[in-house]
PDB file of N, CA and C in Angstrom:
ATOM      1  N   UNK A   1      10.141   1.668  16.949  1.00  0.00           N
ATOM      2  CA  UNK A   1       9.299   1.464  16.040  1.00  0.00           C
ATOM      3  C   UNK A   1       8.206   0.779  16.127  1.00  0.00           C
ATOM      4  N   UNK A   2       7.040   1.207  15.596  1.00  0.00           N
ATOM      5  CA  UNK A   2       5.522   0.265  16.075  1.00  0.00           C
ATOM      6  C   UNK A   2       5.394  -0.398  14.778  1.00  0.00           C
ATOM      7  N   UNK A   3       4.963  -1.538  14.999  1.00  0.00           N
ATOM      8  CA  UNK A   3       3.738  -2.268  14.223  1.00  0.00           C
ATOM      9  C   UNK A   3       2.927  -2.347  14.191  1.00  0.00           C
ATOM     10  N   UNK A   4       1.940  -2.802  13.152  1.00  0.00           N
ATOM     11  CA  UNK A   4       0.392  -2.416  13.102  1.00  0.00           C
ATOM     12  C   UNK A   4       0.393  -3.881  12.195  1.00  0.00           C
ATOM     13  N   UNK A   5      -0.784  -4.775  12.887  1.00  0.00           N
ATOM     14  CA  UNK A   5      -1.259  -5.489  12.347  1.00  0.00           C
ATOM     15  C   UNK A   5      -2.348  -5.155  11.272  1.00  0.00           C
ATOM     16  N   UNK A   6      -2.780  -5.992  10.596  1.00  0.00           N
ATOM     17  CA  UNK A   6      -3.976  -5.508  10.134  1.00  0.00           C
ATOM     18  C   UNK A   6      -5.213  -5.521  11.036  1.00  0.00           C
ATOM     19  N   UNK A   7      -5.929  -5.800  12.214  1.00  0.00           N
ATOM     20  CA  UNK A   7      -6.754  -5.388  12.776  1.00  0.00           C
ATOM     21  C   UNK A   7      -6.579  -3.505  13.289  1.00  0.00           C
ATOM     22  N   UNK A   8      -4.900  -3.607  13.886  1.00  0.00           N
ATOM     23  CA  UNK A   8      -4.802  -2.106  14.600  1.00  0.00           C
ATOM     24  C   UNK A   8      -4.809  -1.339  12.587  1.00  0.00           C
ATOM     25  N   UNK A   9      -4.725  -1.888  11.623  1.00  0.00           N
ATOM     26  CA  UNK A   9      -4.788  -0.471  10.242  1.00  0.00           C
ATOM     27  C   UNK A   9      -6.660  -0.953  10.184  1.00  0.00           C
ATOM     28  N   UNK A  10      -6.951  -1.636  10.295  1.00  0.00           N
ATOM     29  CA  UNK A  10      -8.605  -1.469  10.124  1.00  0.00           C
ATOM     30  C   UNK A  10      -9.344  -0.520  10.994  1.00  0.00           C
ATOM     31  N   UNK A  11      -8.937  -0.577  12.321  1.00  0.00           N
ATOM     32  CA  UNK A  11      -9.111   0.559  13.409  1.00  0.00           C
ATOM     33  C   UNK A  11      -8.708   2.086  13.229  1.00  0.00           C
ATOM     34  N   UNK A  12      -7.571   2.391  12.187  1.00  0.00           N
ATOM     35  CA  UNK A  12      -6.931   3.366  12.228  1.00  0.00           C
ATOM     36  C   UNK A  12      -7.095   4.229  10.409  1.00  0.00           C
ATOM     37  N   UNK A  13      -7.431   3.105  10.361  1.00  0.00           N
ATOM     38  CA  UNK A  13      -8.475   3.854   9.072  1.00  0.00           C
ATOM     39  C   UNK A  13      -8.781   4.675   8.579  1.00  0.00           C
ATOM     40  N   UNK A  14      -8.780   5.974   8.092  1.00  0.00           N
ATOM     41  CA  UNK A  14      -9.908   6.960   7.677  1.00  0.00           C
ATOM     42  C   UNK A  14     -11.159   6.259   6.777  1.00  0.00           C
ATOM     43  N   UNK A  15     -12.851   6.956   7.526  1.00  0.00           N
ATOM     44  CA  UNK A  15     -13.787   6.789   6.755  1.00  0.00           C
ATOM     45  C   UNK A  15     -13.697   6.716   5.332  1.00  0.00           C
ATOM     46  N   UNK A  16     -14.708   5.823   5.113  1.00  0.00           N
ATOM     47  CA  UNK A  16     -14.904   5.659   2.878  1.00  0.00           C
ATOM     48  C   UNK A  16     -14.634   6.899   2.598  1.00  0.00           C
ATOM     49  N   UNK A  17     -15.863   7.644   2.634  1.00  0.00           N
ATOM     50  CA  UNK A  17     -15.582   9.023   1.933  1.00  0.00           C
ATOM     51  C   UNK A  17     -14.132   9.957   2.076  1.00  0.00           C
ATOM     52  N   UNK A  18     -13.708   9.766   3.230  1.00  0.00           N
ATOM     53  CA  UNK A  18     -12.171  10.349   3.349  1.00  0.00           C
ATOM     54  C   UNK A  18     -11.065   9.725   2.827  1.00  0.00           C
ATOM     55  N   UNK A  19     -11.361   7.945   2.861  1.00  0.00           N
ATOM     56  CA  UNK A  19      -9.960   7.573   2.010  1.00  0.00           C
ATOM     57  C   UNK A  19     -10.314   7.716   0.410  1.00  0.00           C
ATOM     58  N   UNK A  20     -12.182   7.871  -0.121  1.00  0.00           N
ATOM     59  CA  UNK A  20     -11.906   8.441  -1.293  1.00  0.00           C
ATOM     60  C   UNK A  20     -10.948   9.695  -1.986  1.00  0.00           C
ATOM     61  N   UNK A  21     -11.468  10.538  -0.988  1.00  0.00           N
ATOM     62  CA  UNK A  21      -9.967  12.080  -1.399  1.00  0.00           C
ATOM     63  C   UNK A  21      -8.905  11.993  -1.261  1.00  0.00           C
ATOM     64  N   UNK A  22      -8.611  11.300  -0.150  1.00  0.00           N
ATOM     65  CA  UNK A  22      -7.183  10.924  -0.409  1.00  0.00           C
ATOM     66  C   UNK A  22      -6.708  10.022  -1.220  1.00  0.00           C
ATOM     67  N   UNK A  23      -7.843   8.964  -1.781  1.00  0.00           N
ATOM     68  CA  UNK A  23      -6.973   8.681  -2.940  1.00  0.00           C
ATOM     69  C   UNK A  23      -6.839   9.703  -4.002  1.00  0.00           C
ATOM     70  N   UNK A  24      -8.054  10.190  -4.454  1.00  0.00           N
ATOM     71  CA  UNK A  24      -7.690  11.634  -5.902  1.00  0.00           C
ATOM     72  C   UNK A  24      -7.065  12.260  -5.279  1.00  0.00           C
ATOM     73  N   UNK A  25      -7.035  12.450  -4.311  1.00  0.00           N
ATOM     74  CA  UNK A  25      -5.536  13.427  -3.923  1.00  0.00           C
ATOM     75  C   UNK A  25      -4.182  13.127  -3.860  1.00  0.00           C
ATOM     76  N   UNK A  26      -3.949  11.243  -3.804  1.00  0.00           N
ATOM     77  CA  UNK A  26      -2.369  11.479  -4.117  1.00  0.00           C
ATOM     78  C   UNK A  26      -2.462  10.028  -5.892  1.00  0.00           C
ATOM     79  N   UNK A  27      -3.721  10.259  -6.503  1.00  0.00           N
ATOM     80  CA  UNK A  27      -3.596  10.337  -8.077  1.00  0.00           C
ATOM     81  C   UNK A  27      -3.061  12.195  -9.483  1.00  0.00           C
ATOM     82  N   UNK A  28      -3.842  12.930  -8.178  1.00  0.00           N
ATOM     83  CA  UNK A  28      -3.481  13.634  -8.480  1.00  0.00           C
ATOM     84  C   UNK A  28      -2.150  14.284  -8.527  1.00  0.00           C
ATOM     85  N   UNK A  29      -1.994  14.091  -7.036  1.00  0.00           N
ATOM     86  CA  UNK A  29       0.269  13.862  -7.296  1.00  0.00           C
ATOM     87  C   UNK A  29       0.431  13.241  -8.080  1.00  0.00           C
ATOM     88  N   UNK A  30       0.699  12.477  -8.119  1.00  0.00           N
ATOM     89  CA  UNK A  30       1.366  11.174  -9.262  1.00  0.00           C
ATOM     90  C   UNK A  30       1.193  12.127 -10.589  1.00  0.00           C
ATOM     91  N   UNK A  31      -0.497  12.254 -10.738  1.00  0.00           N
ATOM     92  CA  UNK A  31      -0.677  13.162 -12.648  1.00  0.00           C
ATOM     93  C   UNK A  31       0.381  13.979 -12.633  1.00  0.00           C
ATOM     94  N   UNK A  32       0.917  15.286 -12.020  1.00  0.00           N
ATOM     95  CA  UNK A  32       1.583  16.492 -11.830  1.00  0.00           C
ATOM     96  C   UNK A  32       2.515  16.105 -10.835  1.00  0.00           C
ATOM     97  N   UNK A  33       3.423  14.851 -10.754  1.00  0.00           N
ATOM     98  CA  UNK A  33       4.656  14.850 -10.513  1.00  0.00           C
ATOM     99  C   UNK A  33       5.008  15.214  -8.777  1.00  0.00           C
ATOM    100  N   UNK A  34       4.052  15.557  -8.621  1.00  0.00           N
ATOM    101  CA  UNK A  34       4.724  16.297  -7.064  1.00  0.00           C
ATOM    102  C   UNK A  34       4.645  14.671  -5.608  1.00  0.00           C
ATOM    103  N   UNK A  35       4.337  13.525  -6.165  1.00  0.00           N
ATOM    104  CA  UNK A  35       4.552  12.330  -5.717  1.00  0.00           C
ATOM    105  C   UNK A  35       4.620  11.603  -6.636  1.00  0.00           C
ATOM    106  N   UNK A  36       5.990  10.586  -6.012  1.00  0.00           N
ATOM    107  CA  UNK A  36       6.922   9.614  -7.244  1.00  0.00           C
ATOM    108  C   UNK A  36       6.491   7.921  -6.810  1.00  0.00           C
ATOM    109  N   UNK A  37       5.910   7.696  -7.366  1.00  0.00           N
ATOM    110  CA  UNK A  37       5.502   5.824  -7.810  1.00  0.00           C
ATOM    111  C   UNK A  37       6.449   5.469  -8.843  1.00  0.00           C
ATOM    112  N   UNK A  38       7.780   4.894  -8.706  1.00  0.00           N
ATOM    113  CA  UNK A  38       8.728   4.335  -9.707  1.00  0.00           C
ATOM    114  C   UNK A  38       7.550   3.517 -10.044  1.00  0.00           C
ATOM    115  N   UNK A  39       8.007   2.470 -11.583  1.00  0.00           N
ATOM    116  CA  UNK A  39       8.153   1.280 -11.835  1.00  0.00           C
ATOM    117  C   UNK A  39       8.030   0.201 -10.759  1.00  0.00           C
ATOM    118  N   UNK A  40       6.898  -1.044 -10.787  1.00  0.00           N
ATOM    119  CA  UNK A  40       7.557  -1.804  -9.783  1.00  0.00           C
ATOM    120  C   UNK A  40       7.465  -2.995 -10.007  1.00  0.00           C
ATOM    121  N   UNK A  41       9.582  -3.222  -8.992  1.00  0.00           N
ATOM    122  CA  UNK A  41       9.961  -4.321 -10.039  1.00  0.00           C
ATOM    123  C   UNK A  41       9.374  -5.796  -9.293  1.00  0.00           C
ATOM    124  N   UNK A  42       9.149  -7.032  -9.590  1.00  0.00           N
ATOM    125  CA  UNK A  42       8.111  -8.328  -9.466  1.00  0.00           C
ATOM    126  C   UNK A  42       9.566  -9.079  -9.832  1.00  0.00           C
ATOM    127  N   UNK A  43       9.305 -10.154  -8.814  1.00  0.00           N
ATOM    128  CA  UNK A  43       9.794 -11.483  -8.552  1.00  0.00           C
ATOM    129  C   UNK A  43       8.687 -12.459  -8.975  1.00  0.00           C
ATOM    130  N   UNK A  44       9.326 -13.553  -9.384  1.00  0.00           N
ATOM    131  CA  UNK A  44       8.624 -15.112  -9.382  1.00  0.00           C
ATOM    132  C   UNK A  44       8.769 -15.740  -8.741  1.00  0.00           C
ATOM    133  N   UNK A  45       9.052 -16.229  -7.212  1.00  0.00           N
ATOM    134  CA  UNK A  45       9.078 -17.470  -6.993  1.00  0.00           C
ATOM    135  C   UNK A  45       8.664 -19.002  -7.145  1.00  0.00           C
ATOM    136  N   UNK A  46       7.424 -18.980  -8.068  1.00  0.00           N
ATOM    137  CA  UNK A  46       6.481 -19.713  -8.469  1.00  0.00           C
ATOM    138  C   UNK A  46       5.802 -19.234  -9.982  1.00  0.00           C
ATOM    139  N   UNK A  47       5.186 -20.648 -10.752  1.00  0.00           N
ATOM    140  CA  UNK A  47       4.753 -20.466 -11.687  1.00  0.00           C
ATOM    141  C   UNK A  47       3.584 -19.617 -11.452  1.00  0.00           C
ATOM    142  N   UNK A  48       2.294 -19.397 -10.700  1.00  0.00           N
ATOM    143  CA  UNK A  48       1.712 -17.950 -10.579  1.00  0.00           C
ATOM    144  C   UNK A  48       2.160 -17.361  -9.746  1.00  0.00           C
ATOM    145  N   UNK A  49       2.730 -17.488  -9.193  1.00  0.00           N
ATOM    146  CA  UNK A  49       3.470 -16.728  -7.655  1.00  0.00           C
ATOM    147  C   UNK A  49       4.228 -15.241  -8.220  1.00  0.00           C
ATOM    148  N   UNK A  50       3.514 -13.958  -7.390  1.00  0.00           N
ATOM    149  CA  UNK A  50       5.016 -13.039  -7.201  1.00  0.00           C
ATOM    150  C   UNK A  50       4.563 -12.419  -6.042  1.00  0.00           C
ATOM    151  N   UNK A  51       6.080 -10.919  -6.378  1.00  0.00           N
ATOM    152  CA  UNK A  51       6.108 -10.319  -5.222  1.00  0.00           C
ATOM    153  C   UNK A  51       6.561  -8.786  -5.953  1.00  0.00           C
ATOM    154  N   UNK A  52       5.945  -8.167  -5.332  1.00  0.00           N
ATOM    155  CA  UNK A  52       5.606  -6.531  -6.206  1.00  0.00           C
ATOM    156  C   UNK A  52       6.947  -5.904  -4.843  1.00  0.00           C
ATOM    157  N   UNK A  53       7.697  -4.845  -5.391  1.00  0.00           N
ATOM    158  CA  UNK A  53       8.140  -3.770  -4.090  1.00  0.00           C
ATOM    159  C   UNK A  53       7.462  -2.812  -4.718  1.00  0.00           C
ATOM    160  N   UNK A  54       7.304  -1.756  -4.005  1.00  0.00           N
ATOM    161  CA  UNK A  54       6.623  -0.632  -4.413  1.00  0.00           C
ATOM    162  C   UNK A  54       6.955   0.645  -3.920  1.00  0.00           C
ATOM    163  N   UNK A  55       7.735   0.789  -4.369  1.00  0.00           N
ATOM    164  CA  UNK A  55       8.367   2.411  -3.471  1.00  0.00           C
ATOM    165  C   UNK A  55       7.318   3.774  -3.440  1.00  0.00           C
ATOM    166  N   UNK A  56       7.615   4.796  -2.289  1.00  0.00           N
ATOM    167  CA  UNK A  56       6.929   5.905  -2.902  1.00  0.00           C
ATOM    168  C   UNK A  56       7.028   6.764  -2.402  1.00  0.00           C
ATOM    169  N   UNK A  57       6.681   8.538  -2.930  1.00  0.00           N
ATOM    170  CA  UNK A  57       7.162   9.386  -1.992  1.00  0.00           C
ATOM    171  C   UNK A  57       6.563  10.504  -1.787  1.00  0.00           C
ATOM    172  N   UNK A  58       5.988  11.439  -1.009  1.00  0.00           N
ATOM    173  CA  UNK A  58       5.080  12.591  -2.008  1.00  0.00           C
ATOM    174  C   UNK A  58       5.427  13.398  -0.737  1.00  0.00           C
ATOM    175  N   UNK A  59       6.494  13.957  -0.756  1.00  0.00           N
ATOM    176  CA  UNK A  59       7.578  14.921  -0.245  1.00  0.00           C
ATOM    177  C   UNK A  59       6.531  16.570   0.059  1.00  0.00           C
ATOM    178  N   UNK A  60       5.450  16.798  -0.436  1.00  0.00           N
ATOM    179  CA  UNK A  60       4.499  17.555   0.538  1.00  0.00           C
ATOM    180  C   UNK A  60       3.341  17.435   1.579  1.00  0.00           C
ATOM    181  N   UNK A  61       3.597  15.757   1.370  1.00  0.00           N
ATOM    182  CA  UNK A  61       2.923  15.679   2.979  1.00  0.00           C
ATOM    183  C   UNK A  61       4.104  14.589   3.539  1.00  0.00           C
ATOM    184  N   UNK A  62       5.752  15.096   3.124  1.00  0.00           N
ATOM    185  CA  UNK A  62       6.791  13.977   4.207  1.00  0.00           C
ATOM    186  C   UNK A  62       6.277  12.612   4.074  1.00  0.00           C
ATOM    187  N   UNK A  63       5.727  12.326   2.949  1.00  0.00           N
ATOM    188  CA  UNK A  63       5.421  10.250   3.168  1.00  0.00           C
ATOM    189  C   UNK A  63       6.702   9.946   2.242  1.00  0.00           C
ATOM    190  N   UNK A  64       7.045   8.736   3.051  1.00  0.00           N
ATOM    191  CA  UNK A  64       7.910   7.865   2.327  1.00  0.00           C
ATOM    192  C   UNK A  64       7.658   6.935   3.088  1.00  0.00           C
ATOM    193  N   UNK A  65       7.760   6.020   2.089  1.00  0.00           N
ATOM    194  CA  UNK A  65       7.813   4.493   2.071  1.00  0.00           C
ATOM    195  C   UNK A  65       7.789   3.087   1.169  1.00  0.00           C
ATOM    196  N   UNK A  66       7.563   2.311   1.020  1.00  0.00           N
ATOM    197  CA  UNK A  66       7.679   0.683   0.676  1.00  0.00           C
ATOM    198  C   UNK A  66       6.781  -0.307   0.760  1.00  0.00           C
ATOM    199  N   UNK A  67       5.823  -0.610  -0.079  1.00  0.00           N
ATOM    200  CA  UNK A  67       4.790  -2.128   0.031  1.00  0.00           C
ATOM    201  C   UNK A  67       5.753  -3.174  -0.903  1.00  0.00           C
ATOM    202  N   UNK A  68       5.934  -3.649   0.472  1.00  0.00           N
ATOM    203  CA  UNK A  68       6.115  -5.146  -0.250  1.00  0.00           C
ATOM    204  C   UNK A  68       5.155  -6.100   0.182  1.00  0.00           C
ATOM    205  N   UNK A  69       4.159  -6.910  -1.622  1.00  0.00           N
ATOM    206  CA  UNK A  69       3.295  -7.864  -1.889  1.00  0.00           C
ATOM    207  C   UNK A  69       3.509  -8.774  -2.350  1.00  0.00           C
ATOM    208  N   UNK A  70       3.013 -10.212  -1.420  1.00  0.00           N
ATOM    209  CA  UNK A  70       2.928 -10.986  -2.835  1.00  0.00           C
ATOM    210  C   UNK A  70       1.891 -11.527  -2.804  1.00  0.00           C
ATOM    211  N   UNK A  71       1.908 -12.451  -3.972  1.00  0.00           N
ATOM    212  CA  UNK A  71       0.566 -13.158  -4.214  1.00  0.00           C
ATOM    213  C   UNK A  71       0.453 -14.371  -4.795  1.00  0.00           C
ATOM    214  N   UNK A  72       0.194 -15.140  -3.943  1.00  0.00           N
ATOM    215  CA  UNK A  72       0.504 -16.970  -4.227  1.00  0.00           C
ATOM    216  C   UNK A  72      -1.137 -17.203  -4.294  1.00  0.00           C
ATOM    217  N   UNK A  73      -1.912 -17.086  -4.805  1.00  0.00           N
ATOM    218  CA  UNK A  73      -3.220 -17.674  -5.992  1.00  0.00           C
ATOM    219  C   UNK A  73      -3.363 -18.791  -5.052  1.00  0.00           C
ATOM    220  N   UNK A  74      -2.412 -20.257  -4.800  1.00  0.00           N
ATOM    221  CA  UNK A  74      -2.717 -21.474  -4.700  1.00  0.00           C
ATOM    222  C   UNK A  74      -2.593 -21.632  -2.672  1.00  0.00           C
ATOM    223  N   UNK A  75      -2.618 -20.325  -2.159  1.00  0.00           N
ATOM    224  CA  UNK A  75      -2.515 -20.306  -1.075  1.00  0.00           C
ATOM    225  C   UNK A  75      -4.460 -20.798  -0.355  1.00  0.00           C
ATOM    226  N   UNK A  76      -4.864 -20.441  -1.128  1.00  0.00           N
ATOM    227  CA  UNK A  76      -6.353 -20.581  -1.053  1.00  0.00           C
ATOM    228  C   UNK A  76      -6.478 -22.237  -0.732  1.00  0.00           C
ATOM    229  N   UNK A  77      -5.701 -23.062  -1.530  1.00  0.00           N
ATOM    230  CA  UNK A  77      -6.260 -24.177  -1.442  1.00  0.00           C
ATOM    231  C   UNK A  77      -5.788 -24.649  -0.059  1.00  0.00           C
ATOM    232  N   UNK A  78      -5.144 -23.955   1.001  1.00  0.00           N
ATOM    233  CA  UNK A  78      -4.454 -24.736   1.981  1.00  0.00           C
ATOM    234  C   UNK A  78      -4.551 -23.532   3.356  1.00  0.00           C
ATOM    235  N   UNK A  79      -5.597 -23.125   2.755  1.00  0.00           N
ATOM    236  CA  UNK A  79      -6.213 -21.672   4.082  1.00  0.00           C
ATOM    237  C   UNK A  79      -5.631 -20.753   4.751  1.00  0.00           C
ATOM    238  N   UNK A  80      -4.790 -20.256   3.471  1.00  0.00           N
ATOM    239  CA  UNK A  80      -4.095 -19.466   3.516  1.00  0.00           C
ATOM    240  C   UNK A  80      -4.320 -17.736   2.858  1.00  0.00           C
ATOM    241  N   UNK A  81      -4.020 -16.756   3.265  1.00  0.00           N
ATOM    242  CA  UNK A  81      -4.206 -15.761   2.144  1.00  0.00           C
ATOM    243  C   UNK A  81      -3.896 -15.485   1.520  1.00  0.00           C
ATOM    244  N   UNK A  82      -4.171 -15.038   0.082  1.00  0.00           N
ATOM    245  CA  UNK A  82      -3.693 -15.403  -1.146  1.00  0.00           C
ATOM    246  C   UNK A  82      -2.570 -14.200  -1.169  1.00  0.00           C
ATOM    247  N   UNK A  83      -2.793 -13.136  -0.840  1.00  0.00           N
ATOM    248  CA  UNK A  83      -2.683 -11.850  -1.172  1.00  0.00           C
ATOM    249  C   UNK A  83      -1.644 -11.452   0.360  1.00  0.00           C
ATOM    250  N   UNK A  84      -0.362 -11.364   0.468  1.00  0.00           N
ATOM    251  CA  UNK A  84       0.260 -10.528   2.384  1.00  0.00           C
ATOM    252  C   UNK A  84       1.136  -9.559   1.587  1.00  0.00           C
ATOM    253  N   UNK A  85       1.309  -9.068   2.559  1.00  0.00           N
ATOM    254  CA  UNK A  85       2.067  -7.920   2.344  1.00  0.00           C
ATOM    255  C   UNK A  85       3.132  -7.518   3.695  1.00  0.00           C
ATOM    256  N   UNK A  86       3.701  -6.341   3.455  1.00  0.00           N
ATOM    257  CA  UNK A  86       3.786  -5.265   4.428  1.00  0.00           C
ATOM    258  C   UNK A  86       4.431  -4.034   4.196  1.00  0.00           C
ATOM    259  N   UNK A  87       3.972  -2.491   4.501  1.00  0.00           N
ATOM    260  CA  UNK A  87       3.997  -1.342   4.133  1.00  0.00           C
ATOM    261  C   UNK A  87       4.990  -0.965   5.435  1.00  0.00           C
ATOM    262  N   UNK A  88       6.064  -0.812   4.605  1.00  0.00           N
ATOM    263  CA  UNK A  88       7.774  -0.275   5.747  1.00  0.00           C
ATOM    264  C   UNK A  88       7.158   1.593   5.502  1.00  0.00           C
ATOM    265  N   UNK A  89       7.359   2.622   6.769  1.00  0.00           N
ATOM    266  CA  UNK A  89       6.740   3.588   6.480  1.00  0.00           C
ATOM    267  C   UNK A  89       7.895   4.892   7.284  1.00  0.00           C
ATOM    268  N   UNK A  90       8.638   5.509   6.633  1.00  0.00           N
ATOM    269  CA  UNK A  90      10.400   6.058   6.728  1.00  0.00           C
ATOM    270  C   UNK A  90       9.366   7.514   7.347  1.00  0.00           C
ATOM    271  N   UNK A  91      10.156   8.289   8.068  1.00  0.00           N
ATOM    272  CA  UNK A  91      10.332   9.745   8.199  1.00  0.00           C
ATOM    273  C   UNK A  91      10.802   9.928   6.850  1.00  0.00           C
ATOM    274  N   UNK A  92       9.644  11.407   6.605  1.00  0.00           N
ATOM    275  CA  UNK A  92       9.725  12.518   5.440  1.00  0.00           C
ATOM    276  C   UNK A  92      10.741  12.885   5.459  1.00  0.00           C
ATOM    277  N   UNK A  93      11.110  13.778   6.727  1.00  0.00           N
ATOM    278  CA  UNK A  93      12.420  14.185   7.025  1.00  0.00           C
ATOM    279  C   UNK A  93      14.294  13.332   6.753  1.00  0.00           C
ATOM    280  N   UNK A  94      13.719  12.320   7.652  1.00  0.00           N
ATOM    281  CA  UNK A  94      15.509  12.124   7.568  1.00  0.00           C
ATOM    282  C   UNK A  94      15.312  10.494   7.457  1.00  0.00           C
ATOM    283  N   UNK A  95      13.898   9.908   6.768  1.00  0.00           N
ATOM    284  CA  UNK A  95      14.218   8.451   6.079  1.00  0.00           C
ATOM    285  C   UNK A  95      14.240   7.024   7.026  1.00  0.00           C
ATOM    286  N   UNK A  96      14.748   7.712   8.755  1.00  0.00           N
ATOM    287  CA  UNK A  96      14.162   7.060   9.405  1.00  0.00           C
ATOM    288  C   UNK A  96      13.106   6.053   9.640  1.00  0.00           C
ATOM    289  N   UNK A  97      13.006   4.653   9.650  1.00  0.00           N
ATOM    290  CA  UNK A  97      11.489   3.644  10.059  1.00  0.00           C
ATOM    291  C   UNK A  97      10.703   4.305  10.278  1.00  0.00           C
ATOM    292  N   UNK A  98       9.827   4.267  10.842  1.00  0.00           N
ATOM    293  CA  UNK A  98       9.077   5.181  11.494  1.00  0.00           C
ATOM    294  C   UNK A  98       7.527   3.478  12.009  1.00  0.00           C
ATOM    295  N   UNK A  99       7.095   3.022  11.240  1.00  0.00           N
ATOM    296  CA  UNK A  99       6.340   2.100  11.305  1.00  0.00           C
ATOM    297  C   UNK A  99       6.527   1.140  10.375  1.00  0.00           C
ATOM    298  N   UNK A 100       6.132  -0.458  10.856  1.00  0.00           N
ATOM    299  CA  UNK A 100       5.600  -1.490   9.738  1.00  0.00           C
ATOM    300  C   UNK A 100       4.164  -2.049  10.100  1.00  0.00           C
ATOM    301  N   UNK A 101       3.565  -1.924   9.403  1.00  0.00           N
ATOM    302  CA  UNK A 101       2.032  -2.239   9.203  1.00  0.00           C
ATOM    303  C   UNK A 101       2.075  -3.751   8.094  1.00  0.00           C
ATOM    304  N   UNK A 102       0.816  -4.554   8.440  1.00  0.00           N
ATOM    305  CA  UNK A 102       0.217  -5.217   7.817  1.00  0.00           C
ATOM    306  C   UNK A 102      -0.421  -4.958   6.715  1.00  0.00           C
ATOM    307  N   UNK A 103      -0.246  -4.707   5.546  1.00  0.00           N
ATOM    308  CA  UNK A 103      -0.263  -4.614   4.551  1.00  0.00           C
ATOM    309  C   UNK A 103      -2.108  -4.980   3.389  1.00  0.00           C
ATOM    310  N   UNK A 104      -2.483  -6.221   4.375  1.00  0.00           N
ATOM    311  CA  UNK A 104      -3.692  -6.578   3.543  1.00  0.00           C
ATOM    312  C   UNK A 104      -4.974  -5.939   3.502  1.00  0.00           C
ATOM    313  N   UNK A 105      -5.614  -5.399   4.311  1.00  0.00           N
ATOM    314  CA  UNK A 105      -6.363  -4.325   4.866  1.00  0.00           C
ATOM    315  C   UNK A 105      -6.373  -2.963   4.174  1.00  0.00           C
ATOM    316  N   UNK A 106      -5.008  -2.718   4.467  1.00  0.00           N
ATOM    317  CA  UNK A 106      -4.669  -1.332   3.925  1.00  0.00           C
ATOM    318  C   UNK A 106      -4.569  -1.540   2.358  1.00  0.00           C
ATOM    319  N   UNK A 107      -4.570  -2.639   1.858  1.00  0.00           N
ATOM    320  CA  UNK A 107      -4.266  -2.753   0.134  1.00  0.00           C
ATOM    321  C   UNK A 107      -5.794  -2.329  -0.336  1.00  0.00           C
ATOM    322  N   UNK A 108      -6.294  -3.646   0.541  1.00  0.00           N
ATOM    323  CA  UNK A 108      -8.304  -4.041   0.535  1.00  0.00           C
ATOM    324  C   UNK A 108      -8.850  -2.731   0.441  1.00  0.00           C
ATOM    325  N   UNK A 109      -8.227  -1.357   1.124  1.00  0.00           N
ATOM    326  CA  UNK A 109      -8.685   0.025   1.690  1.00  0.00           C
ATOM    327  C   UNK A 109      -8.997   1.075   0.401  1.00  0.00           C
ATOM    328  N   UNK A 110      -7.254   0.316   0.181  1.00  0.00           N
ATOM    329  CA  UNK A 110      -6.684   1.588  -1.214  1.00  0.00           C
ATOM    330  C   UNK A 110      -7.358   1.588  -1.993  1.00  0.00           C
ATOM    331  N   UNK A 111      -7.429   0.052  -2.590  1.00  0.00           N
ATOM    332  CA  UNK A 111      -8.235  -0.127  -3.753  1.00  0.00           C
ATOM    333  C   UNK A 111      -9.701   0.218  -4.022  1.00  0.00           C
ATOM    334  N   UNK A 112     -10.214  -0.060  -2.656  1.00  0.00           N
ATOM    335  CA  UNK A 112     -11.655   0.447  -3.063  1.00  0.00           C
ATOM    336  C   UNK A 112     -12.109   1.487  -3.153  1.00  0.00           C
ATOM    337  N   UNK A 113     -10.825   2.579  -2.626  1.00  0.00           N
ATOM    338  CA  UNK A 113     -11.555   3.944  -2.169  1.00  0.00           C
ATOM    339  C   UNK A 113     -10.766   4.195  -4.065  1.00  0.00           C
ATOM    340  N   UNK A 114      -9.984   3.881  -4.360  1.00  0.00           N
ATOM    341  CA  UNK A 114      -9.775   4.049  -6.059  1.00  0.00           C
ATOM    342  C   UNK A 114     -10.865   3.800  -6.920  1.00  0.00           C
ATOM    343  N   UNK A 115     -11.440   2.234  -6.557  1.00  0.00           N
ATOM    344  CA  UNK A 115     -12.396   2.046  -7.175  1.00  0.00           C
ATOM    345  C   UNK A 115     -13.914   2.793  -7.527  1.00  0.00           C
ATOM    346  N   UNK A 116     -14.220   3.144  -6.496  1.00  0.00           N
ATOM    347  CA  UNK A 116     -15.281   3.811  -6.298  1.00  0.00           C
ATOM    348  C   UNK A 116     -15.162   4.861  -5.891  1.00  0.00           C
ATOM    349  N   UNK A 117     -14.453   5.780  -6.444  1.00  0.00           N
ATOM    350  CA  UNK A 117     -13.338   7.477  -6.434  1.00  0.00           C
ATOM    351  C   UNK A 117     -14.038   7.500  -7.944  1.00  0.00           C
ATOM    352  N   UNK A 118     -13.652   6.492  -9.017  1.00  0.00           N
ATOM    353  CA  UNK A 118     -13.355   6.507 -10.172  1.00  0.00           C
ATOM    354  C   UNK A 118     -14.709   7.245 -10.929  1.00  0.00           C
ATOM    355  N   UNK A 119     -14.762   7.947 -11.794  1.00  0.00           N
ATOM    356  CA  UNK A 119     -15.514   7.977 -12.654  1.00  0.00           C
ATOM    357  C   UNK A 119     -16.207   7.452 -13.869  1.00  0.00           C
ATOM    358  N   UNK A 120     -17.824   7.945 -13.681  1.00  0.00           N
ATOM    359  CA  UNK A 120     -18.105   6.222 -14.702  1.00  0.00           C
ATOM    360  C   UNK A 120     -19.174   5.324 -14.163  1.00  0.00           C
TER     361      UNK A 120
END
């Protein structure tokens, strides 16, 4: 199984315009039911902190995975990142784990692609 740190993820991300197209495709797949992202459960380890488990499946692309992301706003006071997480990618045919990657850069890129690609 592979592990990709944030620097690896940044190096492997598609160019911004391609990312926008992929985000659009994913949102269309969610809207038409060909991809599945159930409501994300959250846990709250502190007053201002929380973590989400975010599973997703996109059978047409044979994609299966889960992002575990934590938000700890007070970390900034200690020189630590406020948002951290991991993405687990499974084989879409067998379910076997294939990769674990840092989710900070991935989350930032996905958020940017969705926001920039929004009409208006």
